[in-house]
Amino acid sequence: MSHDKRRFSVTLLALAVAFAPHLLRVPVFVSGFVCAAWGYALGMQYRGWPVPARWLRVLLALTCLALVLFTYGRSFGRDAGVALLSLMLGLKAVESKSVRDLLALLFLSYFVVVTNVLYSQTLVMSAYMIFSVIAVTAALAHLHSGETRLLPDLRRGATLLMQALPLALLLFVFFPRLQGALWGVHDDRDEGVSGFSDTLEPGSVSELSLSGEVAFRVDFPGVIPERDKLYWRGLVLDSFDGVKWFRDLPFEMAEKREVVPSADLVEYALTLEPHNKEWVFALDLPVSAPRGTVLRTDQTLVSMRVVQARVRHELASLPVPAVSAPPGPAWTALPEDGNPRARELARQWQDAGYGPREMVEAALSLFRSGGFAYSLRPGALEGDIVDQFLFESRRGYCEHYASAMAFVLRAAGVPVRLVVGYQGGERNPMGGYLIVRQSDAHAWVEVWMEGRWTRVDPTSVVAPQRLVSGAESFVAQGQGALMPEGAQALRRMARFFQLGWDSANNSWNQWVLGFSHERQRGLWERLGFDPTTRAGAGKLAGTLALGLAAVLGAVFWSM
């Protein structure tokens, strides 16, 4: 193989490595055109095929531009830009005749590698991007070396990358960053799903019990509370139409108050996965709103903007609800008719002279000793769904029990509201943090008693193991005992690697992707830099300049 052919082949290989992640992202006509153009370029080198005429190359370029505009319209965004860049990568290959053309192709490849962060910022993608940069750099070195083997050039590319690493770390820590995500973009193709809408009806929570997707992760600086105390508050629903619960009353902002340290105060950092909604989950009950969020009078947190990227919040919560003003009649409202047997049960409690606390105890006693079962597959309910559940099926998941209890208490004139969120979480022993998954989705009620809203969870009497071991105890009920010992060992080993990988990804998310403007400022302050003052800003700039000079000097000295 001649030297020119070898250089072209190595260049094309580097291009393929850089373009590979986009192969299935771009439209079929883009990936097909790129592969066809590269194939023709190889034919030019090995078969002597002619270089396309200039007019034909111009026509192809205009056609590619027209196809991109036809596919994406006038909104020239991320996908359109990547598609056009990919098409140009194919077009440039078919006109490459000199080393200068190959250099242009390789420099273009660096831009293709960078566009991967527009789609994914995971640890795996970051590692692949590093490999791609090494491959492209090795191809650049190969263009100027007389090596016949690629391995020395790969080693040279990796060495150059390692030499640039101290410079990258220095700029990462000390170069001021804008507020927002690390890359200034978010990945809307990898957005998570919160699992909740702003309504709740039978089956809406139990459907999430099989999902292992992560909802959020929590770091506690101190001891992690017991699992049955971990109620993650999300939404408060105030109205019922006979089938579903929903939010109908206007939202009000809670008054700001100073957080006073106490023995009951729990501080933690919650990293919320993107869910394309506004709500922020917090340990029951949050007492303050971190930056970018609002605390409402119902003790729920909402983000000022849709959560489209992973976000970290420093939070504080108190388990004891505060005394508040009596709720209005809206919190006892029900449809005018429907579920007559449940209404009759409420009248019996009223006739017996029960107060709110006695009614709560009566409802819990009914669930405890009335033959009720906790089930992920209770069957469909139609018509008077509360009556069917209480007096016929008696099988349901957390939303069935919470909805039925809230209905009966409201029918008895007791103010009740329904809360949805998550309960529990799995501790990752490798990272010391808590993982809350979609399978931990939960619903409970809050009853107005003795001047405050008090949490009551009917699941605690029907299936207390749900609060201690999570929903997986019902999903896999009986499976563990039926699995052979070897399969159980493989399952434990897979779980070990899964938690290890999650810990590695969490560290990447926290210390790289989560290194926000606020965390950078906090690090500067701990290092003795105060950028808000002229002296502090000058000291920071001097340190950055001195560090850059030291790193660049060390690189030039080693050459």
Protein backbone atom coordinates (compact mmCIF):
# COMPACT_ATOMS: atom_id res chain seq x y z
CA MET A 1 0.00 0.00 0.00
CA SER A 2 1.38 3.41 -0.95
CA HIS A 3 1.97 6.06 1.66
CA ASP A 4 -0.79 8.31 0.26
CA LYS A 5 -3.35 5.51 0.29
CA ARG A 6 -2.39 4.56 3.83
CA ARG A 7 -2.76 8.16 5.02
CA PHE A 8 -6.18 8.44 3.39
CA SER A 9 -7.32 5.14 4.90
CA VAL A 10 -6.20 6.20 8.38
CA THR A 11 -7.96 9.55 7.97
CA LEU A 12 -11.17 7.86 6.87
CA LEU A 13 -10.96 5.46 9.83
CA ALA A 14 -10.66 8.41 12.23
CA LEU A 15 -13.66 10.05 10.55
CA ALA A 16 -15.68 6.87 11.00
CA VAL A 17 -14.83 6.75 14.71
CA ALA A 18 -15.88 10.38 15.15
CA PHE A 19 -19.12 9.96 13.17
CA ALA A 20 -20.21 6.57 14.57
CA PRO A 21 -22.43 7.86 17.45
CA HIS A 22 -24.38 10.00 14.96
CA LEU A 23 -25.02 7.12 12.57
CA LEU A 24 -28.46 6.33 14.01
CA ARG A 25 -29.26 9.88 15.15
CA VAL A 26 -29.24 11.57 11.77
CA PRO A 27 -31.88 10.83 9.10
CA VAL A 28 -31.35 7.78 6.91
CA PHE A 29 -30.54 9.87 3.83
CA VAL A 30 -27.71 11.59 5.75
CA SER A 31 -26.05 8.41 7.01
CA GLY A 32 -26.56 6.78 3.59
CA PHE A 33 -24.99 9.73 1.78
CA VAL A 34 -22.00 9.86 4.13
CA CYS A 35 -21.30 6.14 3.75
CA ALA A 36 -21.73 6.31 -0.05
CA ALA A 37 -19.42 9.35 -0.29
CA TRP A 38 -16.74 7.63 1.78
CA GLY A 39 -17.09 4.51 -0.34
CA TYR A 40 -16.59 6.55 -3.51
CA ALA A 41 -13.60 8.31 -1.91
CA LEU A 42 -12.03 4.90 -1.24
CA GLY A 43 -12.69 3.98 -4.88
CA MET A 44 -10.85 7.14 -5.92
CA GLN A 45 -7.80 5.98 -3.99
CA TYR A 46 -7.81 2.27 -4.79
CA ARG A 47 -9.66 2.03 -8.12
CA GLY A 48 -8.63 5.26 -9.74
CA TRP A 49 -12.18 6.63 -9.96
CA PRO A 50 -12.24 10.26 -11.11
CA VAL A 51 -12.79 13.17 -8.77
CA PRO A 52 -16.34 14.50 -9.35
CA ALA A 53 -16.45 17.63 -11.47
CA ARG A 54 -16.67 20.95 -9.70
CA TRP A 55 -20.21 21.63 -10.97
CA LEU A 56 -21.33 18.24 -9.65
CA ARG A 57 -19.82 18.88 -6.22
CA VAL A 58 -21.57 22.26 -6.06
CA LEU A 59 -24.86 20.64 -7.11
CA LEU A 60 -24.46 17.96 -4.41
CA ALA A 61 -23.77 20.61 -1.76
CA LEU A 62 -26.87 22.60 -2.73
CA THR A 63 -28.95 19.41 -2.80
CA CYS A 64 -27.74 18.48 0.70
CA LEU A 65 -28.64 21.94 1.99
CA ALA A 66 -32.09 21.71 0.37
CA LEU A 67 -32.73 18.29 1.92
CA VAL A 68 -31.78 19.57 5.38
CA LEU A 69 -34.09 22.58 5.00
CA PHE A 70 -36.89 20.35 3.72
CA THR A 71 -36.44 17.93 6.64
CA TYR A 72 -36.07 20.44 9.49
CA GLY A 73 -37.69 23.58 8.13
CA ARG A 74 -36.49 27.04 8.97
CA SER A 75 -35.70 26.23 12.60
CA PHE A 76 -32.02 25.51 12.16
CA GLY A 77 -31.29 23.89 15.50
CA ARG A 78 -29.17 21.09 16.87
CA ASP A 79 -30.39 18.24 14.67
CA ALA A 80 -30.26 20.28 11.48
CA GLY A 81 -26.76 21.53 12.27
CA VAL A 82 -25.42 18.05 12.98
CA ALA A 83 -27.05 16.68 9.82
CA LEU A 84 -25.50 19.42 7.67
CA LEU A 85 -22.09 18.97 9.32
CA SER A 86 -22.28 15.22 8.62
CA LEU A 87 -23.15 15.81 4.96
CA MET A 88 -20.21 18.16 4.61
CA LEU A 89 -18.00 15.45 6.12
CA GLY A 90 -19.00 13.17 3.25
CA LEU A 91 -18.69 15.85 0.56
CA LYS A 92 -15.24 16.92 1.68
CA ALA A 93 -13.98 13.32 1.46
CA VAL A 94 -14.80 13.01 -2.26
CA GLU A 95 -12.75 16.09 -3.15
CA SER A 96 -9.75 15.34 -0.93
CA LYS A 97 -6.61 15.03 -3.05
CA SER A 98 -3.84 16.46 -0.89
CA VAL A 99 -2.56 16.43 2.66
CA ARG A 100 -4.14 19.84 3.11
CA ASP A 101 -7.57 18.37 2.30
CA LEU A 102 -7.01 15.53 4.77
CA LEU A 103 -6.04 18.05 7.46
CA ALA A 104 -9.29 19.93 6.84
CA LEU A 105 -11.22 16.66 7.18
CA LEU A 106 -9.57 15.84 10.50
CA PHE A 107 -10.11 19.33 11.91
CA LEU A 108 -13.76 18.99 10.87
CA SER A 109 -13.84 15.69 12.76
CA TYR A 110 -13.05 17.49 16.02
CA PHE A 111 -16.25 19.50 15.58
CA VAL A 112 -18.17 16.28 14.92
CA VAL A 113 -16.83 14.79 18.16
CA VAL A 114 -17.86 17.87 20.15
CA THR A 115 -21.45 17.69 18.85
CA ASN A 116 -21.93 14.48 20.84
CA VAL A 117 -22.42 16.54 24.01
CA LEU A 118 -25.55 17.98 22.41
CA TYR A 119 -27.11 14.51 22.68
CA SER A 120 -25.48 12.77 25.61
CA GLN A 121 -23.23 13.78 28.50
CA THR A 122 -22.99 10.38 30.15
CA LEU A 123 -19.80 8.82 31.40
CA VAL A 124 -19.83 6.28 28.54
CA MET A 125 -20.21 8.95 25.89
CA SER A 126 -17.49 11.06 27.48
CA ALA A 127 -15.12 8.10 27.44
CA TYR A 128 -15.96 7.46 23.77
CA MET A 129 -15.34 11.12 22.95
CA ILE A 130 -11.89 10.88 24.55
CA PHE A 131 -11.18 7.81 22.44
CA SER A 132 -12.40 9.68 19.34
CA VAL A 133 -10.09 12.63 20.06
CA ILE A 134 -7.17 10.23 20.46
CA ALA A 135 -8.05 8.56 17.13
CA VAL A 136 -8.32 11.88 15.25
CA THR A 137 -5.11 13.18 16.85
CA ALA A 138 -3.32 9.94 15.94
CA ALA A 139 -4.50 10.37 12.33
CA LEU A 140 -3.10 13.91 12.34
CA ALA A 141 0.21 12.59 13.61
CA HIS A 142 0.14 9.85 10.97
CA LEU A 143 -0.14 12.43 8.19
CA HIS A 144 3.21 13.92 9.21
CA SER A 145 5.08 10.81 10.29
CA GLY A 146 6.78 8.17 8.24
CA GLU A 147 5.33 5.37 10.36
CA THR A 148 3.91 2.37 8.59
CA ARG A 149 2.11 1.19 11.73
CA LEU A 150 -0.71 3.00 13.46
CA LEU A 151 0.11 1.96 17.04
CA PRO A 152 2.95 4.50 17.57
CA ASP A 153 0.70 7.30 16.34
CA LEU A 154 -2.09 6.18 18.66
CA ARG A 155 0.40 6.27 21.52
CA ARG A 156 1.45 9.76 20.43
CA GLY A 157 -2.17 10.93 20.31
CA ALA A 158 -2.84 9.59 23.82
CA THR A 159 0.34 11.30 25.07
CA LEU A 160 -0.75 14.66 23.63
CA LEU A 161 -4.14 14.27 25.28
CA MET A 162 -2.54 13.48 28.65
CA GLN A 163 -0.34 16.56 28.31
CA ALA A 164 -3.44 18.68 27.70
CA LEU A 165 -5.28 17.23 30.70
CA PRO A 166 -3.68 19.52 33.37
CA LEU A 167 -4.57 22.54 31.24
CA ALA A 168 -8.17 21.32 30.90
CA LEU A 169 -8.46 20.75 34.67
CA LEU A 170 -7.05 24.19 35.41
CA LEU A 171 -9.54 25.89 33.08
CA PHE A 172 -12.37 23.69 34.39
CA VAL A 173 -11.82 24.82 37.98
CA PHE A 174 -10.74 28.43 37.59
CA PHE A 175 -12.23 29.74 34.35
CA PRO A 176 -15.54 31.48 35.22
CA ARG A 177 -18.55 29.65 33.91
CA LEU A 178 -22.02 30.91 33.05
CA GLN A 179 -24.97 29.94 35.18
CA GLY A 180 -26.80 26.86 33.96
CA ALA A 181 -25.75 23.46 32.67
CA LEU A 182 -22.08 22.68 32.09
CA TRP A 183 -22.38 22.60 28.32
CA GLY A 184 -25.20 25.14 28.09
CA VAL A 185 -27.48 22.54 26.53
CA HIS A 186 -29.66 19.67 27.64
CA ASP A 187 -30.39 16.32 26.14
CA ASP A 188 -34.09 16.24 25.36
CA ARG A 189 -33.83 12.75 23.89
CA ASP A 190 -32.65 11.34 27.18
CA GLU A 191 -35.13 13.21 29.32
CA GLY A 192 -36.54 11.15 32.11
CA VAL A 193 -40.19 10.82 32.91
CA SER A 194 -41.32 11.84 36.36
CA GLY A 195 -43.99 9.16 36.43
CA PHE A 196 -46.61 11.64 37.56
CA SER A 197 -49.08 13.87 35.88
CA ASP A 198 -51.14 16.44 37.75
CA THR A 199 -53.92 13.87 38.26
CA LEU A 200 -54.22 10.61 40.16
CA GLU A 201 -56.58 7.75 39.43
CA PRO A 202 -56.63 4.01 40.18
CA GLY A 203 -53.67 2.32 38.50
CA SER A 204 -51.67 5.48 37.81
CA VAL A 205 -49.08 4.76 40.51
CA SER A 206 -49.03 0.95 40.36
CA GLU A 207 -48.03 1.19 36.68
CA LEU A 208 -44.71 2.66 37.82
CA SER A 209 -43.94 -0.20 40.20
CA LEU A 210 -42.12 -2.16 37.48
CA SER A 211 -39.96 0.77 36.38
CA GLY A 212 -36.40 0.83 37.63
CA GLU A 213 -35.70 4.29 36.18
CA VAL A 214 -34.04 6.68 38.61
CA ALA A 215 -36.19 9.63 39.70
CA PHE A 216 -33.53 11.33 41.83
CA ARG A 217 -30.54 10.69 44.07
CA VAL A 218 -29.99 12.10 47.55
CA ASP A 219 -26.82 12.78 49.51
CA PHE A 220 -27.16 13.08 53.28
CA PRO A 221 -24.20 14.66 55.13
CA GLY A 222 -25.27 12.79 58.25
CA VAL A 223 -27.19 9.62 58.97
CA ILE A 224 -29.78 8.57 56.38
CA PRO A 225 -33.25 8.39 58.00
CA GLU A 226 -34.97 5.04 58.23
CA ARG A 227 -36.67 3.99 55.03
CA ASP A 228 -40.20 4.12 56.46
CA LYS A 229 -39.59 7.81 57.33
CA LEU A 230 -38.59 8.77 53.78
CA TYR A 231 -41.64 10.42 52.24
CA TRP A 232 -40.69 12.50 49.19
CA ARG A 233 -43.34 15.13 48.68
CA GLY A 234 -44.29 16.01 45.13
CA LEU A 235 -47.85 17.20 44.43
CA VAL A 236 -50.88 18.00 46.56
CA LEU A 237 -54.24 17.23 44.93
CA ASP A 238 -57.36 18.95 46.25
CA SER A 239 -60.30 17.93 44.05
CA PHE A 240 -62.11 14.70 43.11
CA ASP A 241 -64.50 14.23 40.17
CA GLY A 242 -65.60 10.69 40.96
CA VAL A 243 -62.72 8.99 39.13
CA LYS A 244 -59.53 10.99 39.53
CA TRP A 245 -57.96 13.47 41.90
CA PHE A 246 -56.51 16.68 40.51
CA ARG A 247 -55.36 20.16 41.44
CA ASP A 248 -58.00 22.84 41.03
CA LEU A 249 -57.35 25.47 43.71
CA PRO A 250 -54.92 28.31 42.90
CA PHE A 251 -51.35 28.01 44.13
CA GLU A 252 -50.04 30.38 46.78
CA MET A 253 -46.45 31.06 47.72
CA ALA A 254 -45.41 30.38 51.29
CA GLU A 255 -43.91 33.18 53.33
CA LYS A 256 -40.14 33.15 53.59
CA ARG A 257 -38.82 32.22 57.00
CA GLU A 258 -35.40 31.73 58.45
CA VAL A 259 -34.25 28.13 58.79
CA VAL A 260 -33.19 27.62 62.39
CA PRO A 261 -30.86 24.65 62.99
CA SER A 262 -32.38 22.04 65.29
CA ALA A 263 -32.09 18.39 66.16
CA ASP A 264 -35.05 17.56 63.90
CA LEU A 265 -33.79 19.51 60.87
CA VAL A 266 -32.61 17.23 58.05
CA GLU A 267 -30.24 18.70 55.48
CA TYR A 268 -29.48 16.94 52.21
CA ALA A 269 -28.60 17.46 48.55
CA LEU A 270 -31.08 16.13 46.00
CA THR A 271 -30.07 15.58 42.37
CA LEU A 272 -33.23 15.48 40.31
CA GLU A 273 -33.33 13.71 36.96
CA PRO A 274 -34.99 15.64 34.10
CA HIS A 275 -38.72 14.97 33.89
CA ASN A 276 -40.00 17.84 31.73
CA LYS A 277 -42.31 19.16 34.47
CA GLU A 278 -42.01 21.87 37.14
CA TRP A 279 -42.23 19.97 40.40
CA VAL A 280 -39.28 19.29 42.69
CA PHE A 281 -39.49 16.39 45.12
CA ALA A 282 -38.38 17.01 48.69
CA LEU A 283 -38.33 15.13 51.97
CA ASP A 284 -41.52 15.74 53.87
CA LEU A 285 -41.65 18.64 54.82
CA PRO A 286 -39.37 21.18 53.07
CA VAL A 287 -38.88 24.43 55.00
CA SER A 288 -37.12 26.59 52.41
CA ALA A 289 -36.88 27.02 48.65
CA PRO A 290 -33.43 26.76 47.04
CA ARG A 291 -32.48 29.05 44.20
CA GLY A 292 -34.67 28.61 41.14
CA THR A 293 -37.61 27.11 43.07
CA VAL A 294 -40.71 28.31 44.90
CA LEU A 295 -42.13 26.90 48.14
CA ARG A 296 -45.93 26.87 48.17
CA THR A 297 -48.29 26.99 51.12
CA ASP A 298 -49.05 23.27 50.70
CA GLN A 299 -45.34 22.60 51.39
CA THR A 300 -44.52 21.53 47.84
CA LEU A 301 -41.57 22.81 45.83
CA VAL A 302 -41.84 23.82 42.19
CA SER A 303 -39.14 24.89 39.79
CA MET A 304 -39.37 28.29 38.09
CA ARG A 305 -38.71 26.56 34.80
CA VAL A 306 -39.38 23.12 33.38
CA VAL A 307 -36.81 20.61 34.62
CA GLN A 308 -35.19 19.62 31.33
CA ALA A 309 -31.71 18.91 32.66
CA ARG A 310 -30.31 17.21 35.71
CA VAL A 311 -30.33 19.69 38.61
CA ARG A 312 -28.94 19.61 42.14
CA HIS A 313 -30.68 21.34 45.06
CA GLU A 314 -29.46 21.88 48.61
CA LEU A 315 -32.55 21.30 50.78
CA ALA A 316 -33.65 21.22 54.41
CA SER A 317 -36.76 19.58 55.87
CA LEU A 318 -38.57 19.20 59.17
CA PRO A 319 -40.77 16.16 59.87
CA VAL A 320 -43.21 18.11 62.07
CA PRO A 321 -45.91 20.08 60.19
CA ALA A 322 -46.42 23.68 61.19
CA VAL A 323 -49.67 25.03 62.63
CA SER A 324 -51.66 26.87 59.96
CA ALA A 325 -55.02 28.53 59.39
CA PRO A 326 -58.09 26.28 59.05
CA PRO A 327 -58.73 25.15 55.46
CA GLY A 328 -61.75 26.34 53.54
CA PRO A 329 -64.76 24.28 52.37
CA ALA A 330 -62.96 23.30 49.16
CA TRP A 331 -60.99 20.74 51.14
CA THR A 332 -64.16 18.78 51.98
CA ALA A 333 -65.79 19.11 48.54
CA LEU A 334 -67.02 16.00 46.70
CA PRO A 335 -69.25 15.33 43.67
CA GLU A 336 -72.95 15.68 44.49
CA ASP A 337 -73.67 12.00 43.95
CA GLY A 338 -71.94 8.66 43.52
CA ASN A 339 -70.49 6.04 45.89
CA PRO A 340 -73.56 5.88 48.18
CA ARG A 341 -72.20 3.07 50.38
CA ALA A 342 -69.04 5.01 51.19
CA ARG A 343 -71.15 8.06 52.03
CA GLU A 344 -73.33 5.93 54.30
CA LEU A 345 -70.23 4.69 56.13
CA ALA A 346 -69.17 8.31 56.68
CA ARG A 347 -72.64 9.16 58.09
CA GLN A 348 -72.37 6.25 60.53
CA TRP A 349 -69.11 7.66 61.85
CA GLN A 350 -70.67 11.09 62.19
CA ASP A 351 -73.70 9.67 64.02
CA ALA A 352 -71.34 7.87 66.40
CA GLY A 353 -69.82 11.23 67.32
CA TYR A 354 -66.38 10.49 65.92
CA GLY A 355 -63.94 13.34 65.62
CA PRO A 356 -61.27 13.52 62.91
CA ARG A 357 -58.78 11.37 64.82
CA GLU A 358 -61.39 8.71 65.62
CA MET A 359 -62.45 8.62 61.98
CA VAL A 360 -58.87 8.14 60.88
CA GLU A 361 -58.51 5.26 63.33
CA ALA A 362 -61.77 3.75 62.11
CA ALA A 363 -60.59 3.89 58.48
CA LEU A 364 -57.24 2.32 59.35
CA SER A 365 -58.99 -0.39 61.38
CA LEU A 366 -61.23 -1.16 58.41
CA PHE A 367 -58.21 -1.57 56.14
CA ARG A 368 -56.34 -3.61 58.74
CA SER A 369 -59.04 -6.16 59.56
CA GLY A 370 -61.51 -5.92 56.68
CA GLY A 371 -59.90 -8.47 54.39
CA PHE A 372 -58.06 -5.96 52.21
CA ALA A 373 -55.04 -6.95 50.14
CA TYR A 374 -52.20 -4.90 48.69
CA SER A 375 -51.85 -5.76 45.02
CA LEU A 376 -50.15 -4.37 41.92
CA ARG A 377 -52.86 -5.89 39.72
CA PRO A 378 -56.18 -5.24 41.47
CA GLY A 379 -58.25 -5.21 38.30
CA ALA A 380 -60.21 -2.40 36.67
CA LEU A 381 -62.80 -0.38 38.58
CA GLU A 382 -65.74 1.35 36.91
CA GLY A 383 -68.68 3.43 38.02
CA ASP A 384 -68.67 3.98 41.79
CA ILE A 385 -65.01 3.09 42.10
CA VAL A 386 -64.75 3.88 45.82
CA ASP A 387 -67.69 1.62 46.67
CA GLN A 388 -66.34 -1.15 44.46
CA PHE A 389 -62.98 -0.99 46.15
CA LEU A 390 -64.23 -0.73 49.77
CA PHE A 391 -67.05 -3.28 49.62
CA GLU A 392 -66.30 -5.63 46.70
CA SER A 393 -62.77 -6.05 45.33
CA ARG A 394 -60.84 -4.94 48.44
CA ARG A 395 -57.65 -5.24 46.41
CA GLY A 396 -55.58 -2.25 45.45
CA TYR A 397 -52.32 -0.35 45.47
CA CYS A 398 -51.43 2.78 47.44
CA GLU A 399 -53.54 5.10 45.28
CA HIS A 400 -56.66 2.98 45.84
CA TYR A 401 -56.32 3.13 49.63
CA ALA A 402 -55.42 6.82 49.71
CA SER A 403 -58.28 7.78 47.38
CA ALA A 404 -60.87 5.73 49.28
CA MET A 405 -59.76 7.06 52.67
CA ALA A 406 -59.79 10.66 51.45
CA PHE A 407 -63.29 10.23 49.99
CA VAL A 408 -64.84 8.76 53.14
CA LEU A 409 -63.27 11.36 55.43
CA ARG A 410 -64.41 14.20 53.18
CA ALA A 411 -67.89 12.70 53.11
CA ALA A 412 -67.80 12.90 56.91
CA GLY A 413 -66.86 16.59 56.74
CA VAL A 414 -63.15 16.22 57.57
CA PRO A 415 -60.73 18.33 55.48
CA VAL A 416 -58.45 15.97 53.57
CA ARG A 417 -55.95 16.34 50.76
CA LEU A 418 -54.15 13.71 48.73
CA VAL A 419 -50.35 13.79 48.27
CA VAL A 420 -48.33 11.97 45.63
CA GLY A 421 -44.58 11.54 45.52
CA TYR A 422 -42.17 8.77 46.41
CA GLN A 423 -41.57 6.71 49.50
CA GLY A 424 -38.32 5.05 50.51
CA GLY A 425 -35.21 4.64 48.41
CA GLU A 426 -32.24 2.30 48.06
CA ARG A 427 -28.92 3.12 49.69
CA ASN A 428 -25.94 2.61 47.43
CA PRO A 429 -23.18 1.36 49.76
CA MET A 430 -20.47 2.25 47.22
CA GLY A 431 -21.41 5.92 47.13
CA GLY A 432 -23.20 6.36 50.43
CA TYR A 433 -26.16 8.06 48.75
CA LEU A 434 -29.81 7.17 48.27
CA ILE A 435 -31.36 6.13 44.94
CA VAL A 436 -35.09 6.79 44.56
CA ARG A 437 -36.61 5.06 41.55
CA GLN A 438 -39.94 5.27 39.76
CA SER A 439 -40.92 2.02 41.47
CA ASP A 440 -40.89 3.98 44.77
CA ALA A 441 -43.83 6.12 43.59
CA HIS A 442 -46.40 6.44 46.35
CA ALA A 443 -49.60 8.20 47.41
CA TRP A 444 -50.88 9.09 50.87
CA VAL A 445 -53.35 11.47 52.54
CA GLU A 446 -53.07 14.42 54.86
CA VAL A 447 -55.88 15.05 57.33
CA TRP A 448 -56.60 18.33 59.10
CA MET A 449 -56.35 17.48 62.79
CA GLU A 450 -55.57 19.66 65.80
CA GLY A 451 -54.68 22.73 63.81
CA ARG A 452 -52.31 21.19 61.27
CA TRP A 453 -52.16 18.87 58.27
CA THR A 454 -51.13 15.42 59.50
CA ARG A 455 -49.83 12.69 57.24
CA VAL A 456 -51.77 9.41 57.31
CA ASP A 457 -50.61 6.52 55.15
CA PRO A 458 -53.14 3.66 54.90
CA THR A 459 -50.43 1.50 53.30
CA SER A 460 -48.78 1.32 56.74
CA VAL A 461 -51.54 -0.94 58.05
CA VAL A 462 -52.30 -2.90 54.86
CA ALA A 463 -48.74 -3.62 53.71
CA PRO A 464 -46.18 -2.28 56.22
CA GLN A 465 -43.42 -4.18 54.39
CA ARG A 466 -43.94 -1.81 51.42
CA LEU A 467 -42.60 1.05 53.55
CA VAL A 468 -39.64 -0.97 54.81
CA SER A 469 -38.50 -2.97 51.76
CA GLY A 470 -40.11 -1.07 48.88
CA ALA A 471 -42.36 -2.07 46.00
CA GLU A 472 -39.86 -4.66 44.78
CA SER A 473 -40.99 -6.91 47.62
CA PHE A 474 -44.34 -7.20 45.81
CA VAL A 475 -42.99 -7.23 42.27
CA ALA A 476 -40.70 -10.16 42.97
CA GLN A 477 -42.80 -11.78 45.69
CA GLY A 478 -41.96 -15.45 45.82
CA GLN A 479 -39.47 -15.31 42.95
CA GLY A 480 -36.38 -15.31 45.16
CA ALA A 481 -37.37 -18.54 46.87
CA LEU A 482 -38.00 -20.26 43.52
CA MET A 483 -34.70 -19.21 41.96
CA PRO A 484 -31.86 -21.74 42.13
CA GLU A 485 -28.87 -20.82 44.26
CA GLY A 486 -26.64 -20.20 41.23
CA ALA A 487 -29.16 -17.80 39.70
CA GLN A 488 -29.44 -15.93 43.00
CA ALA A 489 -25.64 -15.58 43.14
CA LEU A 490 -25.58 -14.20 39.58
CA ARG A 491 -28.35 -11.82 40.49
CA ARG A 492 -26.39 -10.53 43.50
CA MET A 493 -23.28 -10.13 41.36
CA ALA A 494 -25.22 -8.22 38.70
CA ARG A 495 -26.66 -6.02 41.42
CA PHE A 496 -23.14 -5.32 42.72
CA PHE A 497 -21.93 -4.17 39.30
CA GLN A 498 -25.12 -2.18 38.75
CA LEU A 499 -24.63 -0.24 41.97
CA GLY A 500 -20.94 0.26 41.18
CA TRP A 501 -21.76 1.67 37.77
CA ASP A 502 -24.45 3.91 39.25
CA SER A 503 -21.92 5.21 41.79
CA ALA A 504 -19.44 6.02 39.01
CA ASN A 505 -22.12 7.82 37.00
CA ASN A 506 -23.29 9.70 40.07
CA SER A 507 -19.75 10.92 40.76
CA TRP A 508 -19.45 12.05 37.14
CA ASN A 509 -22.79 13.86 37.35
CA GLN A 510 -21.95 15.54 40.65
CA TRP A 511 -18.36 16.63 40.07
CA VAL A 512 -18.27 17.25 36.32
CA LEU A 513 -21.74 17.84 34.87
CA GLY A 514 -22.97 19.27 38.18
CA PHE A 515 -20.05 21.65 38.62
CA SER A 516 -22.27 24.69 38.25
CA HIS A 517 -21.64 28.39 38.65
CA GLU A 518 -22.70 28.21 42.32
CA ARG A 519 -20.48 25.23 43.13
CA GLN A 520 -17.53 26.86 41.40
CA ARG A 521 -18.02 30.03 43.45
CA GLY A 522 -18.22 27.93 46.60
CA LEU A 523 -14.94 26.18 45.73
CA TRP A 524 -13.24 29.53 45.08
CA GLU A 525 -14.38 30.82 48.48
CA ARG A 526 -13.03 27.72 50.23
CA LEU A 527 -9.70 28.29 48.46
CA GLY A 528 -9.59 31.89 49.67
CA PHE A 529 -10.74 33.68 46.48
CA ASP A 530 -13.56 36.21 46.68
CA PRO A 531 -14.48 37.12 43.07
CA THR A 532 -16.98 39.74 44.25
CA THR A 533 -14.11 42.05 45.26
CA ARG A 534 -11.51 43.59 42.97
CA ALA A 535 -8.65 42.13 45.00
CA GLY A 536 -10.21 38.67 44.97
CA ALA A 537 -10.89 38.78 41.23
CA GLY A 538 -7.32 39.92 40.56
CA LYS A 539 -5.96 37.15 42.76
CA LEU A 540 -8.07 34.61 40.89
CA ALA A 541 -6.95 35.92 37.48
CA GLY A 542 -3.32 35.89 38.58
CA THR A 543 -3.60 32.31 39.82
CA LEU A 544 -5.17 31.24 36.53
CA ALA A 545 -2.46 32.99 34.48
CA LEU A 546 0.33 31.55 36.65
CA GLY A 547 -1.17 28.06 36.35
CA LEU A 548 -1.47 28.34 32.58
CA ALA A 549 2.13 29.50 32.31
CA ALA A 550 3.32 26.61 34.49
CA VAL A 551 1.39 23.98 32.53
CA LEU A 552 2.43 25.29 29.12
CA GLY A 553 6.03 25.67 30.28
CA ALA A 554 6.10 22.07 31.48
CA VAL A 555 4.71 20.87 28.14
CA PHE A 556 7.27 22.80 26.09
CA TRP A 557 10.07 21.66 28.41
CA SER A 558 9.14 18.01 27.85
CA MET A 559 9.13 18.36 24.06
